[in-house]
N, C-alpha and C. Protein backbone atom coordinates (compact mmCIF):
# COMPACT_ATOMS: atom_id res chain seq x y z
N MET A 1 151.86 44.47 115.45
CA MET A 1 151.34 45.82 115.43
C MET A 1 150.69 46.05 114.08
N THR A 2 149.39 46.16 114.09
CA THR A 2 148.66 46.37 112.85
C THR A 2 148.00 47.73 112.87
N SER A 3 147.74 48.23 111.70
CA SER A 3 147.14 49.55 111.60
C SER A 3 145.67 49.48 111.98
N THR A 4 145.18 50.56 112.58
CA THR A 4 143.78 50.62 112.98
C THR A 4 142.98 51.45 111.99
N SER A 5 143.42 51.47 110.74
CA SER A 5 142.78 52.33 109.75
C SER A 5 141.48 51.74 109.21
N GLY A 6 141.06 50.55 109.67
CA GLY A 6 139.78 50.02 109.24
C GLY A 6 139.88 49.22 107.98
N SER A 7 139.04 49.53 106.99
CA SER A 7 138.93 48.71 105.80
C SER A 7 139.97 49.02 104.73
N LYS A 8 140.52 50.21 104.73
CA LYS A 8 141.47 50.52 103.66
C LYS A 8 142.84 49.91 103.99
N PRO A 9 143.54 49.44 102.95
CA PRO A 9 144.83 48.77 103.18
C PRO A 9 145.90 49.75 103.65
N SER A 10 146.84 49.22 104.41
CA SER A 10 147.93 50.03 104.94
C SER A 10 148.94 50.32 103.84
N PRO A 11 149.44 51.57 103.76
CA PRO A 11 150.45 51.87 102.74
C PRO A 11 151.84 51.36 103.12
N LEU A 12 151.95 50.76 104.31
CA LEU A 12 153.25 50.24 104.74
C LEU A 12 153.63 49.03 103.89
N PRO A 13 154.91 48.90 103.54
CA PRO A 13 155.34 47.71 102.81
C PRO A 13 155.23 46.47 103.70
N PRO A 14 155.11 45.30 103.11
CA PRO A 14 155.00 44.08 103.91
C PRO A 14 156.21 43.90 104.84
N GLY A 15 155.95 43.54 106.07
CA GLY A 15 157.02 43.32 107.03
C GLY A 15 157.45 44.55 107.79
N MET A 16 156.96 45.74 107.39
CA MET A 16 157.39 46.97 108.06
C MET A 16 156.85 47.03 109.49
N ALA A 17 155.62 46.56 109.70
CA ALA A 17 155.03 46.59 111.05
C ALA A 17 155.85 45.74 112.01
N GLN A 18 156.30 44.56 111.55
CA GLN A 18 157.12 43.70 112.40
C GLN A 18 158.47 44.35 112.68
N ARG A 19 159.04 45.01 111.67
CA ARG A 19 160.32 45.70 111.86
C ARG A 19 160.17 46.83 112.88
N LEU A 20 159.06 47.56 112.78
CA LEU A 20 158.80 48.63 113.76
C LEU A 20 158.73 48.04 115.16
N ASP A 21 157.99 46.93 115.30
CA ASP A 21 157.85 46.28 116.61
C ASP A 21 159.19 45.89 117.21
N SER A 22 160.07 45.36 116.37
CA SER A 22 161.35 44.87 116.89
C SER A 22 162.33 46.00 117.24
N LEU A 23 162.15 47.17 116.63
CA LEU A 23 163.09 48.27 116.86
C LEU A 23 162.65 49.27 117.94
N ILE A 24 161.40 49.17 118.38
CA ILE A 24 160.88 50.13 119.37
C ILE A 24 161.51 49.88 120.74
N GLN A 25 161.91 50.97 121.36
CA GLN A 25 162.36 50.94 122.76
C GLN A 25 161.35 51.75 123.57
N GLU A 26 160.80 51.13 124.62
CA GLU A 26 159.80 51.80 125.44
C GLU A 26 160.39 52.12 126.81
N ARG A 27 159.96 53.27 127.31
CA ARG A 27 160.35 53.66 128.66
C ARG A 27 159.15 54.34 129.30
N PHE A 28 158.84 53.95 130.52
CA PHE A 28 157.72 54.56 131.22
C PHE A 28 158.25 55.58 132.20
N VAL A 29 157.66 56.77 132.16
CA VAL A 29 158.10 57.88 133.00
C VAL A 29 156.89 58.47 133.69
N THR A 30 157.14 59.25 134.74
CA THR A 30 156.03 59.93 135.40
C THR A 30 155.59 61.10 134.54
N ALA A 31 154.30 61.24 134.40
CA ALA A 31 153.75 62.31 133.58
C ALA A 31 153.72 63.61 134.39
N SER A 32 153.62 64.71 133.70
CA SER A 32 153.53 66.01 134.36
C SER A 32 152.09 66.49 134.30
N GLY A 33 151.80 67.54 135.02
CA GLY A 33 150.48 68.14 134.93
C GLY A 33 149.55 67.68 136.03
N PRO A 34 148.25 67.99 135.89
CA PRO A 34 147.29 67.67 136.93
C PRO A 34 147.07 66.17 137.05
N GLY A 35 146.59 65.74 138.19
CA GLY A 35 146.33 64.32 138.40
C GLY A 35 146.57 63.90 139.82
N GLY A 36 147.06 64.80 140.63
CA GLY A 36 147.22 64.50 142.05
C GLY A 36 148.30 63.48 142.33
N GLN A 37 148.05 62.64 143.33
CA GLN A 37 149.06 61.67 143.76
C GLN A 37 149.38 60.65 142.69
N ASN A 38 148.39 60.27 141.88
CA ASN A 38 148.62 59.26 140.86
C ASN A 38 149.74 59.68 139.91
N VAL A 39 149.73 60.95 139.51
CA VAL A 39 150.75 61.46 138.60
C VAL A 39 152.13 61.41 139.26
N ASN A 40 152.18 61.74 140.55
CA ASN A 40 153.47 61.80 141.23
C ASN A 40 154.04 60.43 141.56
N LYS A 41 153.17 59.41 141.72
CA LYS A 41 153.64 58.11 142.17
C LYS A 41 153.84 57.11 141.04
N VAL A 42 152.98 57.14 140.02
CA VAL A 42 152.94 56.07 139.03
C VAL A 42 153.50 56.55 137.70
N ALA A 43 154.37 55.74 137.12
CA ALA A 43 154.96 56.07 135.82
C ALA A 43 154.05 55.54 134.72
N THR A 44 153.07 56.34 134.33
CA THR A 44 152.12 55.89 133.31
C THR A 44 152.42 56.44 131.93
N ALA A 45 153.16 57.52 131.84
CA ALA A 45 153.49 58.10 130.53
C ALA A 45 154.52 57.21 129.85
N VAL A 46 154.36 57.04 128.55
CA VAL A 46 155.30 56.20 127.80
C VAL A 46 156.11 57.06 126.84
N GLN A 47 157.36 56.69 126.68
CA GLN A 47 158.25 57.36 125.74
C GLN A 47 158.78 56.30 124.79
N LEU A 48 158.35 56.36 123.53
CA LEU A 48 158.83 55.41 122.51
C LEU A 48 160.00 56.03 121.78
N ARG A 49 161.01 55.21 121.56
CA ARG A 49 162.16 55.64 120.77
C ARG A 49 162.40 54.61 119.68
N ILE A 50 162.66 55.10 118.48
CA ILE A 50 162.97 54.19 117.38
C ILE A 50 163.99 54.87 116.48
N ASN A 51 164.99 54.11 116.10
CA ASN A 51 166.04 54.62 115.22
C ASN A 51 165.53 54.52 113.78
N ILE A 52 165.30 55.66 113.13
CA ILE A 52 164.72 55.62 111.79
C ILE A 52 165.73 55.18 110.73
N PHE A 53 167.03 55.24 111.05
CA PHE A 53 168.02 54.74 110.10
C PHE A 53 167.90 53.23 109.98
N ALA A 54 167.56 52.56 111.09
CA ALA A 54 167.48 51.10 111.11
C ALA A 54 166.24 50.58 110.38
N LEU A 55 165.30 51.45 110.07
CA LEU A 55 164.09 51.02 109.37
C LEU A 55 164.37 50.65 107.92
N GLY A 56 165.42 51.19 107.35
CA GLY A 56 165.75 50.91 105.95
C GLY A 56 164.73 51.49 104.99
N LEU A 57 164.38 52.73 105.18
CA LEU A 57 163.39 53.38 104.33
C LEU A 57 164.02 53.89 103.04
N ALA A 58 163.20 54.01 102.02
CA ALA A 58 163.65 54.61 100.77
C ALA A 58 163.96 56.09 101.04
N PRO A 59 164.87 56.68 100.27
CA PRO A 59 165.26 58.08 100.53
C PRO A 59 164.11 59.07 100.56
N GLN A 60 163.14 58.93 99.63
CA GLN A 60 162.01 59.86 99.61
C GLN A 60 161.15 59.69 100.86
N VAL A 61 160.92 58.43 101.26
CA VAL A 61 160.11 58.14 102.44
C VAL A 61 160.82 58.66 103.69
N TYR A 62 162.13 58.45 103.75
CA TYR A 62 162.93 58.92 104.88
C TYR A 62 162.83 60.45 105.01
N ASN A 63 162.94 61.15 103.89
CA ASN A 63 162.85 62.62 103.93
C ASN A 63 161.47 63.10 104.38
N ARG A 64 160.40 62.44 103.89
CA ARG A 64 159.05 62.82 104.32
C ARG A 64 158.86 62.54 105.80
N LEU A 65 159.42 61.43 106.31
CA LEU A 65 159.31 61.11 107.72
C LEU A 65 160.07 62.13 108.57
N LYS A 66 161.23 62.55 108.07
CA LYS A 66 162.02 63.56 108.79
C LYS A 66 161.24 64.87 108.92
N VAL A 67 160.59 65.27 107.85
CA VAL A 67 159.81 66.51 107.87
C VAL A 67 158.61 66.36 108.80
N ALA A 68 157.94 65.21 108.73
CA ALA A 68 156.76 64.99 109.57
C ALA A 68 157.13 64.92 111.05
N ALA A 69 158.29 64.35 111.35
CA ALA A 69 158.72 64.19 112.75
C ALA A 69 159.08 65.53 113.36
N GLY A 70 159.71 66.40 112.60
CA GLY A 70 160.07 67.72 113.11
C GLY A 70 160.95 67.65 114.33
N SER A 71 160.51 68.26 115.43
CA SER A 71 161.32 68.32 116.64
C SER A 71 161.32 67.00 117.42
N LYS A 72 160.53 66.04 116.99
CA LYS A 72 160.52 64.73 117.67
C LYS A 72 161.72 63.88 117.25
N LEU A 73 162.49 64.35 116.30
CA LEU A 73 163.64 63.61 115.79
C LEU A 73 164.91 64.17 116.43
N THR A 74 165.74 63.27 117.00
CA THR A 74 166.98 63.70 117.64
C THR A 74 168.10 63.78 116.60
N LYS A 75 169.24 64.33 117.02
CA LYS A 75 170.39 64.42 116.11
C LYS A 75 170.89 63.03 115.72
N ASP A 76 170.69 62.06 116.60
CA ASP A 76 171.17 60.70 116.35
C ASP A 76 170.22 59.90 115.47
N GLY A 77 169.14 60.52 115.01
CA GLY A 77 168.20 59.83 114.14
C GLY A 77 167.17 59.02 114.89
N GLU A 78 166.95 59.34 116.15
CA GLU A 78 165.93 58.64 116.92
C GLU A 78 164.65 59.45 116.94
N LEU A 79 163.55 58.78 116.64
CA LEU A 79 162.24 59.40 116.69
C LEU A 79 161.68 59.14 118.09
N VAL A 80 161.34 60.21 118.80
CA VAL A 80 160.84 60.09 120.18
C VAL A 80 159.38 60.52 120.21
N ILE A 81 158.52 59.60 120.64
CA ILE A 81 157.09 59.88 120.75
C ILE A 81 156.68 59.67 122.19
N GLN A 82 156.03 60.67 122.77
CA GLN A 82 155.57 60.58 124.16
C GLN A 82 154.04 60.59 124.17
N ALA A 83 153.48 59.72 125.02
CA ALA A 83 152.04 59.68 125.20
C ALA A 83 151.76 59.68 126.69
N LYS A 84 150.96 60.64 127.14
CA LYS A 84 150.69 60.74 128.57
C LYS A 84 149.27 61.19 128.87
N THR A 85 148.36 61.06 127.90
CA THR A 85 147.01 61.54 128.10
C THR A 85 146.14 60.58 128.92
N HIS A 86 146.48 59.31 128.92
CA HIS A 86 145.67 58.32 129.61
C HIS A 86 146.24 58.01 130.99
N ARG A 87 145.43 57.34 131.81
CA ARG A 87 145.84 57.03 133.18
C ARG A 87 146.56 55.70 133.30
N THR A 88 146.54 54.89 132.24
CA THR A 88 147.19 53.58 132.32
C THR A 88 148.33 53.48 131.32
N GLN A 89 149.29 52.62 131.67
CA GLN A 89 150.44 52.42 130.79
C GLN A 89 150.00 51.81 129.46
N ASP A 90 149.10 50.83 129.51
CA ASP A 90 148.66 50.15 128.28
C ASP A 90 148.00 51.13 127.31
N ALA A 91 147.13 51.98 127.83
CA ALA A 91 146.45 52.93 126.95
C ALA A 91 147.45 53.91 126.35
N ASN A 92 148.41 54.39 127.13
CA ASN A 92 149.43 55.30 126.62
C ASN A 92 150.33 54.60 125.61
N ARG A 93 150.67 53.34 125.88
CA ARG A 93 151.51 52.56 124.95
C ARG A 93 150.79 52.41 123.62
N ASP A 94 149.49 52.06 123.66
CA ASP A 94 148.72 51.89 122.43
C ASP A 94 148.65 53.19 121.64
N GLU A 95 148.43 54.30 122.35
CA GLU A 95 148.34 55.59 121.67
C GLU A 95 149.67 55.96 121.01
N ALA A 96 150.78 55.74 121.72
CA ALA A 96 152.10 56.09 121.16
C ALA A 96 152.40 55.24 119.94
N ARG A 97 152.10 53.95 120.01
CA ARG A 97 152.34 53.06 118.86
C ARG A 97 151.46 53.44 117.68
N LYS A 98 150.21 53.81 117.98
CA LYS A 98 149.30 54.22 116.91
C LYS A 98 149.83 55.48 116.21
N ARG A 99 150.32 56.44 117.01
CA ARG A 99 150.87 57.67 116.42
C ARG A 99 152.10 57.37 115.58
N LEU A 100 152.94 56.44 116.04
CA LEU A 100 154.14 56.06 115.29
C LEU A 100 153.75 55.45 113.95
N ILE A 101 152.80 54.52 113.97
CA ILE A 101 152.37 53.87 112.72
C ILE A 101 151.77 54.89 111.77
N GLU A 102 150.94 55.80 112.29
CA GLU A 102 150.34 56.82 111.42
C GLU A 102 151.40 57.69 110.77
N MET A 103 152.44 58.04 111.54
CA MET A 103 153.50 58.89 111.01
C MET A 103 154.27 58.17 109.90
N VAL A 104 154.57 56.89 110.12
CA VAL A 104 155.31 56.12 109.12
C VAL A 104 154.43 55.86 107.90
N GLU A 105 153.14 55.60 108.12
CA GLU A 105 152.23 55.39 106.99
C GLU A 105 152.12 56.65 106.14
N LYS A 106 152.00 57.81 106.78
CA LYS A 106 151.92 59.07 106.02
C LYS A 106 153.19 59.31 105.22
N ALA A 107 154.33 58.92 105.78
CA ALA A 107 155.59 59.12 105.07
C ALA A 107 155.67 58.23 103.84
N HIS A 108 154.99 57.09 103.86
CA HIS A 108 155.01 56.18 102.72
C HIS A 108 154.09 56.63 101.58
N ILE A 109 153.21 57.58 101.86
CA ILE A 109 152.28 58.06 100.83
C ILE A 109 152.92 59.25 100.12
N ALA A 110 153.19 59.07 98.84
CA ALA A 110 153.81 60.14 98.05
C ALA A 110 152.78 61.22 97.77
N PRO A 111 153.16 62.49 97.90
CA PRO A 111 152.20 63.56 97.61
C PRO A 111 151.83 63.57 96.13
N VAL A 112 150.58 63.90 95.86
CA VAL A 112 150.10 63.94 94.48
C VAL A 112 150.64 65.21 93.84
N LYS A 113 151.24 65.03 92.66
CA LYS A 113 151.80 66.18 91.96
C LYS A 113 150.67 67.02 91.38
N ARG A 114 150.76 68.32 91.59
CA ARG A 114 149.73 69.23 91.13
C ARG A 114 149.82 69.41 89.62
N ALA A 115 148.68 69.25 88.97
CA ALA A 115 148.63 69.45 87.52
C ALA A 115 148.49 70.95 87.24
N LYS A 116 149.28 71.43 86.29
CA LYS A 116 149.21 72.85 85.94
C LYS A 116 147.87 73.14 85.28
N THR A 117 147.29 74.25 85.65
CA THR A 117 146.04 74.64 85.01
C THR A 117 146.36 75.48 83.78
N ARG A 118 145.54 75.29 82.77
CA ARG A 118 145.76 76.06 81.54
C ARG A 118 144.68 77.11 81.42
N LEU A 119 145.10 78.31 81.15
CA LEU A 119 144.17 79.41 81.00
C LEU A 119 143.90 79.62 79.51
N ASN A 120 142.63 79.65 79.14
CA ASN A 120 142.32 79.85 77.72
C ASN A 120 142.44 81.33 77.36
N ARG A 121 142.28 81.63 76.09
CA ARG A 121 142.48 82.99 75.58
C ARG A 121 141.50 83.97 76.20
N VAL A 122 140.24 83.56 76.35
CA VAL A 122 139.22 84.45 76.91
C VAL A 122 139.53 84.74 78.38
N GLY A 123 139.92 83.72 79.11
CA GLY A 123 140.26 83.91 80.53
C GLY A 123 141.44 84.83 80.71
N LYS A 124 142.43 84.68 79.82
CA LYS A 124 143.61 85.54 79.88
C LYS A 124 143.24 87.00 79.61
N LYS A 125 142.37 87.19 78.62
CA LYS A 125 141.95 88.55 78.25
C LYS A 125 141.18 89.19 79.41
N LYS A 126 140.30 88.42 80.07
CA LYS A 126 139.53 88.94 81.20
C LYS A 126 140.45 89.32 82.36
N ARG A 127 141.45 88.49 82.60
CA ARG A 127 142.37 88.76 83.71
C ARG A 127 143.16 90.05 83.45
N LEU A 128 143.66 90.22 82.24
CA LEU A 128 144.42 91.42 81.90
C LEU A 128 143.54 92.67 81.95
N GLU A 129 142.29 92.52 81.52
CA GLU A 129 141.35 93.65 81.57
C GLU A 129 141.07 94.05 83.01
N ALA A 130 140.91 93.06 83.89
CA ALA A 130 140.66 93.35 85.31
C ALA A 130 141.87 94.04 85.93
N LYS A 131 143.08 93.62 85.52
CA LYS A 131 144.29 94.27 86.03
C LYS A 131 144.35 95.73 85.57
N LYS A 132 143.98 95.99 84.33
CA LYS A 132 144.00 97.36 83.81
C LYS A 132 143.00 98.22 84.57
N ASN A 133 141.81 97.69 84.80
CA ASN A 133 140.79 98.43 85.54
C ASN A 133 141.26 98.74 86.95
N ARG A 134 141.84 97.77 87.61
CA ARG A 134 142.32 97.95 88.98
C ARG A 134 143.44 99.01 89.01
N GLY A 135 144.32 98.96 88.00
CA GLY A 135 145.39 99.95 87.91
C GLY A 135 144.86 101.35 87.71
N ALA A 136 143.80 101.47 86.90
CA ALA A 136 143.19 102.79 86.64
C ALA A 136 142.57 103.34 87.92
N ILE A 137 141.94 102.47 88.70
CA ILE A 137 141.33 102.90 89.97
C ILE A 137 142.42 103.41 90.91
N LYS A 138 143.52 102.70 90.99
CA LYS A 138 144.62 103.10 91.88
C LYS A 138 145.28 104.38 91.39
N LYS A 139 145.38 104.54 90.08
CA LYS A 139 146.00 105.73 89.52
C LYS A 139 145.17 106.97 89.82
N ALA A 140 143.86 106.79 89.88
CA ALA A 140 142.95 107.91 90.15
C ALA A 140 143.02 108.36 91.61
N ARG A 141 143.70 107.61 92.45
CA ARG A 141 143.80 107.98 93.86
C ARG A 141 144.96 108.93 94.12
N GLY A 142 145.49 109.57 93.14
CA GLY A 142 146.65 110.43 93.28
C GLY A 142 146.41 111.62 94.20
N LYS A 143 147.44 112.44 94.37
CA LYS A 143 147.32 113.63 95.23
C LYS A 143 146.35 114.62 94.60
N VAL A 144 145.68 115.35 95.49
CA VAL A 144 144.72 116.35 95.05
C VAL A 144 145.42 117.70 95.04
N ASP A 145 145.25 118.47 93.93
CA ASP A 145 145.80 119.81 93.85
C ASP A 145 144.89 120.76 94.60
N ARG A 146 145.50 121.69 95.36
CA ARG A 146 144.69 122.68 96.09
C ARG A 146 144.09 123.68 95.09
N ASP A 147 144.72 123.83 93.96
CA ASP A 147 144.25 124.79 92.96
C ASP A 147 142.93 124.34 92.31
N SER A 148 142.64 123.05 92.36
CA SER A 148 141.46 122.55 91.67
C SER A 148 140.19 122.80 92.44
N PHE A 149 140.25 123.36 93.65
CA PHE A 149 139.04 123.65 94.44
C PHE A 149 138.40 124.93 94.01
């Protein structure tokens, strides 16, 4: 199972794709929705299950994968991915595996830490002046005295 990301290298550590392949459990089920007799007779939808504890991920990667998986993660630590958009088992299997790889690859990419912006003295002065002006505008919106007419 290789990534379909094209020319850029996969962020997965070496051997992770093989480990994913060996741990995946596939089950074909009948899909729901429109499609007539084909949907009712043929089990083309695929359900992939993989135990994310068995992947041996680093704690940070594991936490990012947990967040990315959301409701697709069971209490037992199994990631469940369903694919049912295509009419054939092979196409659905490929789509589910692709989604699994993308999810694990995204979990391996650490988010870039945001650099704090520094405000110079002039910028600070302009911001405070704008706040004062805005406050003055709001203060002028007070109640109107009937006596002033």
